[in-house]
Amino acid sequence: MTSYEPIYQLGLGREFSRLQPELQQYFSLAPGSGHYGVGEGVFDVVGCRQRWLRPLLRLATGEQAFFPEYGEGIRFRIENHAHLDPFGRSSLTARREIFFPQTTRIFQDTTSTDSSGGTPRLVDYVGRYRRLVTDLNLSVTPEGRLRGVSEASRLFLGPLRIPLPDALDAKAYAEQWWEPDEGRHRIQVKVIQPQIGLVLVYAGHFDYRLEPYPADALAPGYLPERARPERWESRV
């Protein structure tokens, strides 16, 4: 049986061993492992703080990437699925449910390995239709936290591949760590656009566990129906 390396280990290389042990476990899911990850917790803050921007974000809710709500003390659930995508790339698909009082928002993405340049790198396909892709730049802090920054972004509209100029591109700054005093994971993410400022923020804590796939769903390419996007994208 073929063994697959976890994609964050590919992305970080030797730096992976400097992560906190709990983070190494969290990011060690690999295709064909027979398990998926489930995190459940509370966002201290989540959403768009700028009221004037919310109507614009409402137009994008069908993409399941951005949303107009803002709240504090909001429950959420995340599923992590390691798998091979339809193009044979080692990937990790995340599906998040955010339980606002009036509605539940879905935010989903697939991070895949790209080895076309020789050295493996990670690219993140965002949203239900995977129309937006960004390069991920990962690093490990002196404390063993994972830090990630989304770099250059592209839009795929039909046959068009449209690189976003720096003046329009929004960057995501993420940090995840294990908080030993609380005995649980913590995460904080800010999405910032140079002309607008803070577009989206979420920060909170969660507990994490592994759940088994059904016995007939152990192939490395398996992904549950609920986590599959409307379309896949092979371009980077």
C-alpha atoms as a PDB file:
ATOM      1  CA  MET A   1       0.000   0.000   0.000  1.00  0.00           C
ATOM      2  CA  THR A   2       1.370   3.442  -0.930  1.00  0.00           C
ATOM      3  CA  SER A   3       2.241   5.736   1.978  1.00  0.00           C
ATOM      4  CA  TYR A   4       1.533   9.467   1.667  1.00  0.00           C
ATOM      5  CA  GLU A   5       3.233  12.230   3.607  1.00  0.00           C
ATOM      6  CA  PRO A   6       1.024  14.844   5.340  1.00  0.00           C
ATOM      7  CA  ILE A   7       0.940  17.971   3.194  1.00  0.00           C
ATOM      8  CA  TYR A   8       1.948  20.347   5.994  1.00  0.00           C
ATOM      9  CA  GLN A   9       4.996  18.197   6.607  1.00  0.00           C
ATOM     10  CA  LEU A  10       5.807  18.544   2.912  1.00  0.00           C
ATOM     11  CA  GLY A  11       5.271  22.299   3.097  1.00  0.00           C
ATOM     12  CA  LEU A  12       7.402  22.828   6.207  1.00  0.00           C
ATOM     13  CA  GLY A  13      10.110  20.224   5.633  1.00  0.00           C
ATOM     14  CA  ARG A  14      12.486  19.984   8.590  1.00  0.00           C
ATOM     15  CA  GLU A  15      10.670  22.834  10.314  1.00  0.00           C
ATOM     16  CA  PHE A  16       7.714  20.500  10.942  1.00  0.00           C
ATOM     17  CA  SER A  17       9.565  18.881  13.867  1.00  0.00           C
ATOM     18  CA  ARG A  18       9.738  22.292  15.630  1.00  0.00           C
ATOM     19  CA  LEU A  19       5.959  22.507  15.919  1.00  0.00           C
ATOM     20  CA  GLN A  20       4.403  21.850  19.295  1.00  0.00           C
ATOM     21  CA  PRO A  21       3.723  18.082  19.591  1.00  0.00           C
ATOM     22  CA  GLU A  22      -0.018  18.716  19.640  1.00  0.00           C
ATOM     23  CA  LEU A  23       0.247  20.666  16.380  1.00  0.00           C
ATOM     24  CA  GLN A  24       2.330  17.930  14.789  1.00  0.00           C
ATOM     25  CA  GLN A  25      -0.460  15.500  15.621  1.00  0.00           C
ATOM     26  CA  TYR A  26      -3.107  17.895  14.286  1.00  0.00           C
ATOM     27  CA  PHE A  27      -1.310  18.358  10.961  1.00  0.00           C
ATOM     28  CA  SER A  28      -0.323  14.700  10.497  1.00  0.00           C
ATOM     29  CA  LEU A  29      -3.431  13.538   8.636  1.00  0.00           C
ATOM     30  CA  ALA A  30      -2.437  11.782   5.407  1.00  0.00           C
ATOM     31  CA  PRO A  31      -4.469  10.312   2.517  1.00  0.00           C
ATOM     32  CA  GLY A  32      -5.502   6.734   3.211  1.00  0.00           C
ATOM     33  CA  SER A  33      -5.039   6.996   6.985  1.00  0.00           C
ATOM     34  CA  GLY A  34      -8.613   5.833   7.593  1.00  0.00           C
ATOM     35  CA  HIS A  35      -9.487   8.819   9.780  1.00  0.00           C
ATOM     36  CA  TYR A  36     -10.588  12.439   9.538  1.00  0.00           C
ATOM     37  CA  GLY A  37     -10.286  15.241  12.073  1.00  0.00           C
ATOM     38  CA  VAL A  38     -13.137  16.984  13.893  1.00  0.00           C
ATOM     39  CA  GLY A  39     -12.714  20.217  15.829  1.00  0.00           C
ATOM     40  CA  GLU A  40     -15.470  21.815  17.899  1.00  0.00           C
ATOM     41  CA  GLY A  41     -15.176  25.051  19.782  1.00  0.00           C
ATOM     42  CA  VAL A  42     -16.040  28.724  20.103  1.00  0.00           C
ATOM     43  CA  PHE A  43     -14.876  31.780  18.209  1.00  0.00           C
ATOM     44  CA  ASP A  44     -14.318  34.680  20.589  1.00  0.00           C
ATOM     45  CA  VAL A  45     -14.762  36.902  17.528  1.00  0.00           C
ATOM     46  CA  VAL A  46     -15.704  35.957  13.973  1.00  0.00           C
ATOM     47  CA  GLY A  47     -16.776  37.776  10.838  1.00  0.00           C
ATOM     48  CA  CYS A  48     -16.683  41.253   9.350  1.00  0.00           C
ATOM     49  CA  ARG A  49     -16.426  44.131  11.826  1.00  0.00           C
ATOM     50  CA  GLN A  50     -16.942  46.856   9.213  1.00  0.00           C
ATOM     51  CA  ARG A  51     -20.686  47.376   8.778  1.00  0.00           C
ATOM     52  CA  TRP A  52     -20.359  49.234   5.477  1.00  0.00           C
ATOM     53  CA  LEU A  53     -18.559  46.240   3.944  1.00  0.00           C
ATOM     54  CA  ARG A  54     -21.135  43.609   4.934  1.00  0.00           C
ATOM     55  CA  PRO A  55     -23.553  44.206   2.002  1.00  0.00           C
ATOM     56  CA  LEU A  56     -20.699  43.513  -0.426  1.00  0.00           C
ATOM     57  CA  LEU A  57     -19.746  40.320   1.375  1.00  0.00           C
ATOM     58  CA  ARG A  58     -23.380  39.211   1.299  1.00  0.00           C
ATOM     59  CA  LEU A  59     -23.083  39.012  -2.482  1.00  0.00           C
ATOM     60  CA  ALA A  60     -20.353  36.379  -2.090  1.00  0.00           C
ATOM     61  CA  THR A  61     -22.070  34.073   0.399  1.00  0.00           C
ATOM     62  CA  GLY A  62     -22.856  31.519  -2.328  1.00  0.00           C
ATOM     63  CA  GLU A  63     -19.127  30.970  -2.760  1.00  0.00           C
ATOM     64  CA  GLN A  64     -18.871  29.692   0.849  1.00  0.00           C
ATOM     65  CA  ALA A  65     -15.676  31.659   1.360  1.00  0.00           C
ATOM     66  CA  PHE A  66     -16.792  35.020   2.799  1.00  0.00           C
ATOM     67  CA  PHE A  67     -19.837  36.027   4.818  1.00  0.00           C
ATOM     68  CA  PRO A  68     -21.323  39.319   6.134  1.00  0.00           C
ATOM     69  CA  GLU A  69     -22.144  38.341   9.720  1.00  0.00           C
ATOM     70  CA  TYR A  70     -20.152  39.304  12.789  1.00  0.00           C
ATOM     71  CA  GLY A  71     -20.439  37.808  16.242  1.00  0.00           C
ATOM     72  CA  GLU A  72     -18.741  37.049  19.542  1.00  0.00           C
ATOM     73  CA  GLY A  73     -18.891  33.755  21.414  1.00  0.00           C
ATOM     74  CA  ILE A  74     -19.997  31.857  18.293  1.00  0.00           C
ATOM     75  CA  ARG A  75     -19.845  28.053  18.152  1.00  0.00           C
ATOM     76  CA  PHE A  76     -18.134  26.376  15.200  1.00  0.00           C
ATOM     77  CA  ARG A  77     -17.217  22.956  13.868  1.00  0.00           C
ATOM     78  CA  ILE A  78     -14.452  21.994  11.451  1.00  0.00           C
ATOM     79  CA  GLU A  79     -13.776  18.761   9.587  1.00  0.00           C
ATOM     80  CA  ASN A  80     -10.334  18.027   8.105  1.00  0.00           C
ATOM     81  CA  HIS A  81     -10.111  15.408   5.350  1.00  0.00           C
ATOM     82  CA  ALA A  82      -6.753  14.282   3.927  1.00  0.00           C
ATOM     83  CA  HIS A  83      -7.122  12.820   0.436  1.00  0.00           C
ATOM     84  CA  LEU A  84      -5.828  12.740  -3.105  1.00  0.00           C
ATOM     85  CA  ASP A  85      -7.678  15.216  -5.301  1.00  0.00           C
ATOM     86  CA  PRO A  86      -8.983  14.134  -8.751  1.00  0.00           C
ATOM     87  CA  PHE A  87      -5.603  15.099 -10.255  1.00  0.00           C
ATOM     88  CA  GLY A  88      -3.614  12.869  -7.903  1.00  0.00           C
ATOM     89  CA  ARG A  89      -2.294  15.646  -5.669  1.00  0.00           C
ATOM     90  CA  SER A  90      -2.018  15.103  -1.930  1.00  0.00           C
ATOM     91  CA  SER A  91      -4.588  17.465  -0.401  1.00  0.00           C
ATOM     92  CA  LEU A  92      -6.363  18.510   2.774  1.00  0.00           C
ATOM     93  CA  THR A  93      -9.966  19.696   2.548  1.00  0.00           C
ATOM     94  CA  ALA A  94     -11.424  21.674   5.450  1.00  0.00           C
ATOM     95  CA  ARG A  95     -15.146  22.288   5.914  1.00  0.00           C
ATOM     96  CA  ARG A  96     -16.147  24.764   8.618  1.00  0.00           C
ATOM     97  CA  GLU A  97     -19.628  25.371   9.978  1.00  0.00           C
ATOM     98  CA  ILE A  98     -20.088  28.645  11.884  1.00  0.00           C
ATOM     99  CA  PHE A  99     -23.284  28.742  13.920  1.00  0.00           C
ATOM    100  CA  PHE A 100     -24.439  32.368  14.002  1.00  0.00           C
ATOM    101  CA  PRO A 101     -27.745  32.925  15.880  1.00  0.00           C
ATOM    102  CA  GLN A 102     -29.754  33.567  12.696  1.00  0.00           C
ATOM    103  CA  THR A 103     -27.901  31.363  10.197  1.00  0.00           C
ATOM    104  CA  THR A 104     -25.141  28.803   9.736  1.00  0.00           C
ATOM    105  CA  ARG A 105     -22.329  29.758   7.379  1.00  0.00           C
ATOM    106  CA  ILE A 106     -20.075  27.289   5.565  1.00  0.00           C
ATOM    107  CA  PHE A 107     -16.465  28.148   4.810  1.00  0.00           C
ATOM    108  CA  GLN A 108     -14.516  25.555   2.849  1.00  0.00           C
ATOM    109  CA  ASP A 109     -11.183  25.177   1.101  1.00  0.00           C
ATOM    110  CA  THR A 110      -8.737  22.583  -0.205  1.00  0.00           C
ATOM    111  CA  THR A 111      -4.990  22.881   0.284  1.00  0.00           C
ATOM    112  CA  SER A 112      -2.998  20.886  -2.279  1.00  0.00           C
ATOM    113  CA  THR A 113       0.645  20.185  -2.989  1.00  0.00           C
ATOM    114  CA  ASP A 114       2.156  21.567  -6.180  1.00  0.00           C
ATOM    115  CA  SER A 115       5.458  20.057  -7.290  1.00  0.00           C
ATOM    116  CA  SER A 116       5.536  21.567 -10.778  1.00  0.00           C
ATOM    117  CA  GLY A 117       8.492  23.771  -9.810  1.00  0.00           C
ATOM    118  CA  GLY A 118      10.508  20.899  -8.335  1.00  0.00           C
ATOM    119  CA  THR A 119      10.240  21.894  -4.673  1.00  0.00           C
ATOM    120  CA  PRO A 120       6.830  21.072  -3.132  1.00  0.00           C
ATOM    121  CA  ARG A 121       4.729  24.093  -2.246  1.00  0.00           C
ATOM    122  CA  LEU A 122       1.194  24.448  -0.922  1.00  0.00           C
ATOM    123  CA  VAL A 123      -1.626  26.176  -2.774  1.00  0.00           C
ATOM    124  CA  ASP A 124      -5.043  26.830  -1.258  1.00  0.00           C
ATOM    125  CA  TYR A 125      -8.258  26.646  -3.322  1.00  0.00           C
ATOM    126  CA  VAL A 126     -10.955  28.647  -1.550  1.00  0.00           C
ATOM    127  CA  GLY A 127     -14.727  28.404  -1.696  1.00  0.00           C
ATOM    128  CA  ARG A 128     -17.422  26.133  -3.000  1.00  0.00           C
ATOM    129  CA  TYR A 129     -16.332  26.475  -6.628  1.00  0.00           C
ATOM    130  CA  ARG A 130     -12.580  26.725  -5.938  1.00  0.00           C
ATOM    131  CA  ARG A 131     -12.372  29.872  -8.095  1.00  0.00           C
ATOM    132  CA  LEU A 132      -9.809  31.597  -5.865  1.00  0.00           C
ATOM    133  CA  VAL A 133      -6.351  30.114  -5.271  1.00  0.00           C
ATOM    134  CA  THR A 134      -3.530  31.499  -3.142  1.00  0.00           C
ATOM    135  CA  ASP A 135       0.042  30.433  -2.367  1.00  0.00           C
ATOM    136  CA  LEU A 136       0.666  29.535   1.274  1.00  0.00           C
ATOM    137  CA  ASN A 137       3.851  30.617   3.013  1.00  0.00           C
ATOM    138  CA  LEU A 138       4.317  28.585   6.211  1.00  0.00           C
ATOM    139  CA  SER A 139       6.711  29.079   9.104  1.00  0.00           C
ATOM    140  CA  VAL A 140       7.172  27.992  12.708  1.00  0.00           C
ATOM    141  CA  THR A 141       7.538  30.532  15.511  1.00  0.00           C
ATOM    142  CA  PRO A 142      10.171  30.161  18.281  1.00  0.00           C
ATOM    143  CA  GLU A 143       7.338  28.917  20.543  1.00  0.00           C
ATOM    144  CA  GLY A 144       6.410  26.151  18.083  1.00  0.00           C
ATOM    145  CA  ARG A 145       3.268  27.782  16.717  1.00  0.00           C
ATOM    146  CA  LEU A 146       2.296  27.459  13.062  1.00  0.00           C
ATOM    147  CA  ARG A 147       2.183  30.717  11.154  1.00  0.00           C
ATOM    148  CA  GLY A 148       0.733  30.981   7.642  1.00  0.00           C
ATOM    149  CA  VAL A 149       0.440  33.852   5.189  1.00  0.00           C
ATOM    150  CA  SER A 150      -1.471  33.712   1.923  1.00  0.00           C
ATOM    151  CA  GLU A 151       0.652  35.199  -0.831  1.00  0.00           C
ATOM    152  CA  ALA A 152      -0.217  35.916  -4.489  1.00  0.00           C
ATOM    153  CA  SER A 153      -3.840  35.136  -5.404  1.00  0.00           C
ATOM    154  CA  ARG A 154      -5.448  34.208  -8.702  1.00  0.00           C
ATOM    155  CA  LEU A 155      -9.045  34.042  -9.879  1.00  0.00           C
ATOM    156  CA  PHE A 156     -10.211  31.346 -12.298  1.00  0.00           C
ATOM    157  CA  LEU A 157     -13.232  32.511 -14.273  1.00  0.00           C
ATOM    158  CA  GLY A 158     -13.972  29.933 -16.943  1.00  0.00           C
ATOM    159  CA  PRO A 159     -10.841  29.649 -19.105  1.00  0.00           C
ATOM    160  CA  LEU A 160      -9.388  32.865 -17.661  1.00  0.00           C
ATOM    161  CA  ARG A 161      -6.608  32.891 -15.076  1.00  0.00           C
ATOM    162  CA  ILE A 162      -6.521  36.366 -13.514  1.00  0.00           C
ATOM    163  CA  PRO A 163      -3.657  37.229 -11.129  1.00  0.00           C
ATOM    164  CA  LEU A 164      -4.808  39.796  -8.580  1.00  0.00           C
ATOM    165  CA  PRO A 165      -2.565  42.880  -8.352  1.00  0.00           C
ATOM    166  CA  ASP A 166      -1.195  43.785  -4.932  1.00  0.00           C
ATOM    167  CA  ALA A 167      -3.547  46.769  -4.702  1.00  0.00           C
ATOM    168  CA  LEU A 168      -6.591  44.465  -4.904  1.00  0.00           C
ATOM    169  CA  ASP A 169      -5.331  41.281  -3.306  1.00  0.00           C
ATOM    170  CA  ALA A 170      -6.360  40.428   0.256  1.00  0.00           C
ATOM    171  CA  LYS A 171      -3.879  38.513   2.385  1.00  0.00           C
ATOM    172  CA  ALA A 172      -4.738  36.105   5.182  1.00  0.00           C
ATOM    173  CA  TYR A 173      -2.513  35.989   8.259  1.00  0.00           C
ATOM    174  CA  ALA A 174      -3.073  32.884  10.391  1.00  0.00           C
ATOM    175  CA  GLU A 175      -1.559  31.496  13.575  1.00  0.00           C
ATOM    176  CA  GLN A 176      -2.458  28.243  15.316  1.00  0.00           C
ATOM    177  CA  TRP A 177      -1.100  26.825  18.560  1.00  0.00           C
ATOM    178  CA  TRP A 178      -1.736  24.538  21.508  1.00  0.00           C
ATOM    179  CA  GLU A 179      -2.541  26.382  24.743  1.00  0.00           C
ATOM    180  CA  PRO A 180      -1.278  24.136  27.577  1.00  0.00           C
ATOM    181  CA  ASP A 181      -2.947  26.167  30.341  1.00  0.00           C
ATOM    182  CA  GLU A 182      -6.320  25.511  28.682  1.00  0.00           C
ATOM    183  CA  GLY A 183      -5.591  22.060  27.268  1.00  0.00           C
ATOM    184  CA  ARG A 184      -6.960  22.945  23.825  1.00  0.00           C
ATOM    185  CA  HIS A 185      -6.107  24.410  20.443  1.00  0.00           C
ATOM    186  CA  ARG A 186      -6.285  28.099  19.608  1.00  0.00           C
ATOM    187  CA  ILE A 187      -6.382  29.837  16.242  1.00  0.00           C
ATOM    188  CA  GLN A 188      -6.505  33.414  15.004  1.00  0.00           C
ATOM    189  CA  VAL A 189      -6.877  34.604  11.400  1.00  0.00           C
ATOM    190  CA  LYS A 190      -7.063  38.080   9.882  1.00  0.00           C
ATOM    191  CA  VAL A 191      -7.833  38.820   6.227  1.00  0.00           C
ATOM    192  CA  ILE A 192      -6.549  42.273   5.271  1.00  0.00           C
ATOM    193  CA  GLN A 193      -6.989  44.176   2.013  1.00  0.00           C
ATOM    194  CA  PRO A 194      -4.608  47.139   1.515  1.00  0.00           C
ATOM    195  CA  GLN A 195      -7.289  49.604   0.385  1.00  0.00           C
ATOM    196  CA  ILE A 196     -10.035  48.480   2.773  1.00  0.00           C
ATOM    197  CA  GLY A 197      -8.271  47.207   5.859  1.00  0.00           C
ATOM    198  CA  LEU A 198      -9.591  44.311   7.911  1.00  0.00           C
ATOM    199  CA  VAL A 199     -12.074  42.294   5.842  1.00  0.00           C
ATOM    200  CA  LEU A 200     -12.533  39.210   8.001  1.00  0.00           C
ATOM    201  CA  VAL A 201     -11.345  38.029  11.400  1.00  0.00           C
ATOM    202  CA  TYR A 202     -11.802  34.915  13.448  1.00  0.00           C
ATOM    203  CA  ALA A 203     -10.122  33.858  16.667  1.00  0.00           C
ATOM    204  CA  GLY A 204     -11.051  31.234  19.201  1.00  0.00           C
ATOM    205  CA  HIS A 205     -10.425  27.840  20.760  1.00  0.00           C
ATOM    206  CA  PHE A 206     -11.436  24.276  19.989  1.00  0.00           C
ATOM    207  CA  ASP A 207     -11.048  20.649  21.012  1.00  0.00           C
ATOM    208  CA  TYR A 208      -9.915  18.179  18.374  1.00  0.00           C
ATOM    209  CA  ARG A 209     -10.349  14.459  17.810  1.00  0.00           C
ATOM    210  CA  LEU A 210     -10.000  11.846  15.077  1.00  0.00           C
ATOM    211  CA  GLU A 211     -12.990   9.913  13.752  1.00  0.00           C
ATOM    212  CA  PRO A 212     -12.827   6.731  11.609  1.00  0.00           C
ATOM    213  CA  TYR A 213     -14.104   6.565   8.058  1.00  0.00           C
ATOM    214  CA  PRO A 214     -16.491   3.725   7.165  1.00  0.00           C
ATOM    215  CA  ALA A 215     -14.697   0.448   6.476  1.00  0.00           C
ATOM    216  CA  ASP A 216     -15.511   0.707   2.757  1.00  0.00           C
ATOM    217  CA  ALA A 217     -14.123   4.257   2.443  1.00  0.00           C
ATOM    218  CA  LEU A 218     -10.402   3.868   3.091  1.00  0.00           C
ATOM    219  CA  ALA A 219      -9.061   4.630  -0.396  1.00  0.00           C
ATOM    220  CA  PRO A 220      -6.651   7.616  -0.446  1.00  0.00           C
ATOM    221  CA  GLY A 221      -8.910   9.469  -2.875  1.00  0.00           C
ATOM    222  CA  TYR A 222     -11.998   9.199  -0.665  1.00  0.00           C
ATOM    223  CA  LEU A 223     -13.759  12.415   0.338  1.00  0.00           C
ATOM    224  CA  PRO A 224     -17.275  12.424   1.846  1.00  0.00           C
ATOM    225  CA  GLU A 225     -20.010  13.985  -0.247  1.00  0.00           C
ATOM    226  CA  ARG A 226     -20.587  16.753   2.312  1.00  0.00           C
ATOM    227  CA  ALA A 227     -16.988  17.927   1.931  1.00  0.00           C
ATOM    228  CA  ARG A 228     -16.758  17.852  -1.866  1.00  0.00           C
ATOM    229  CA  PRO A 229     -16.711  21.162  -3.763  1.00  0.00           C
ATOM    230  CA  GLU A 230     -18.999  21.923  -6.683  1.00  0.00           C
ATOM    231  CA  ARG A 231     -15.980  21.796  -8.987  1.00  0.00           C
ATOM    232  CA  TRP A 232     -12.268  21.034  -8.830  1.00  0.00           C
ATOM    233  CA  GLU A 233      -9.464  23.162 -10.225  1.00  0.00           C
ATOM    234  CA  SER A 234      -6.137  21.774 -11.432  1.00  0.00           C
ATOM    235  CA  ARG A 235      -4.543  25.073 -12.433  1.00  0.00           C
ATOM    236  CA  VAL A 236      -2.211  26.910 -10.092  1.00  0.00           C
END
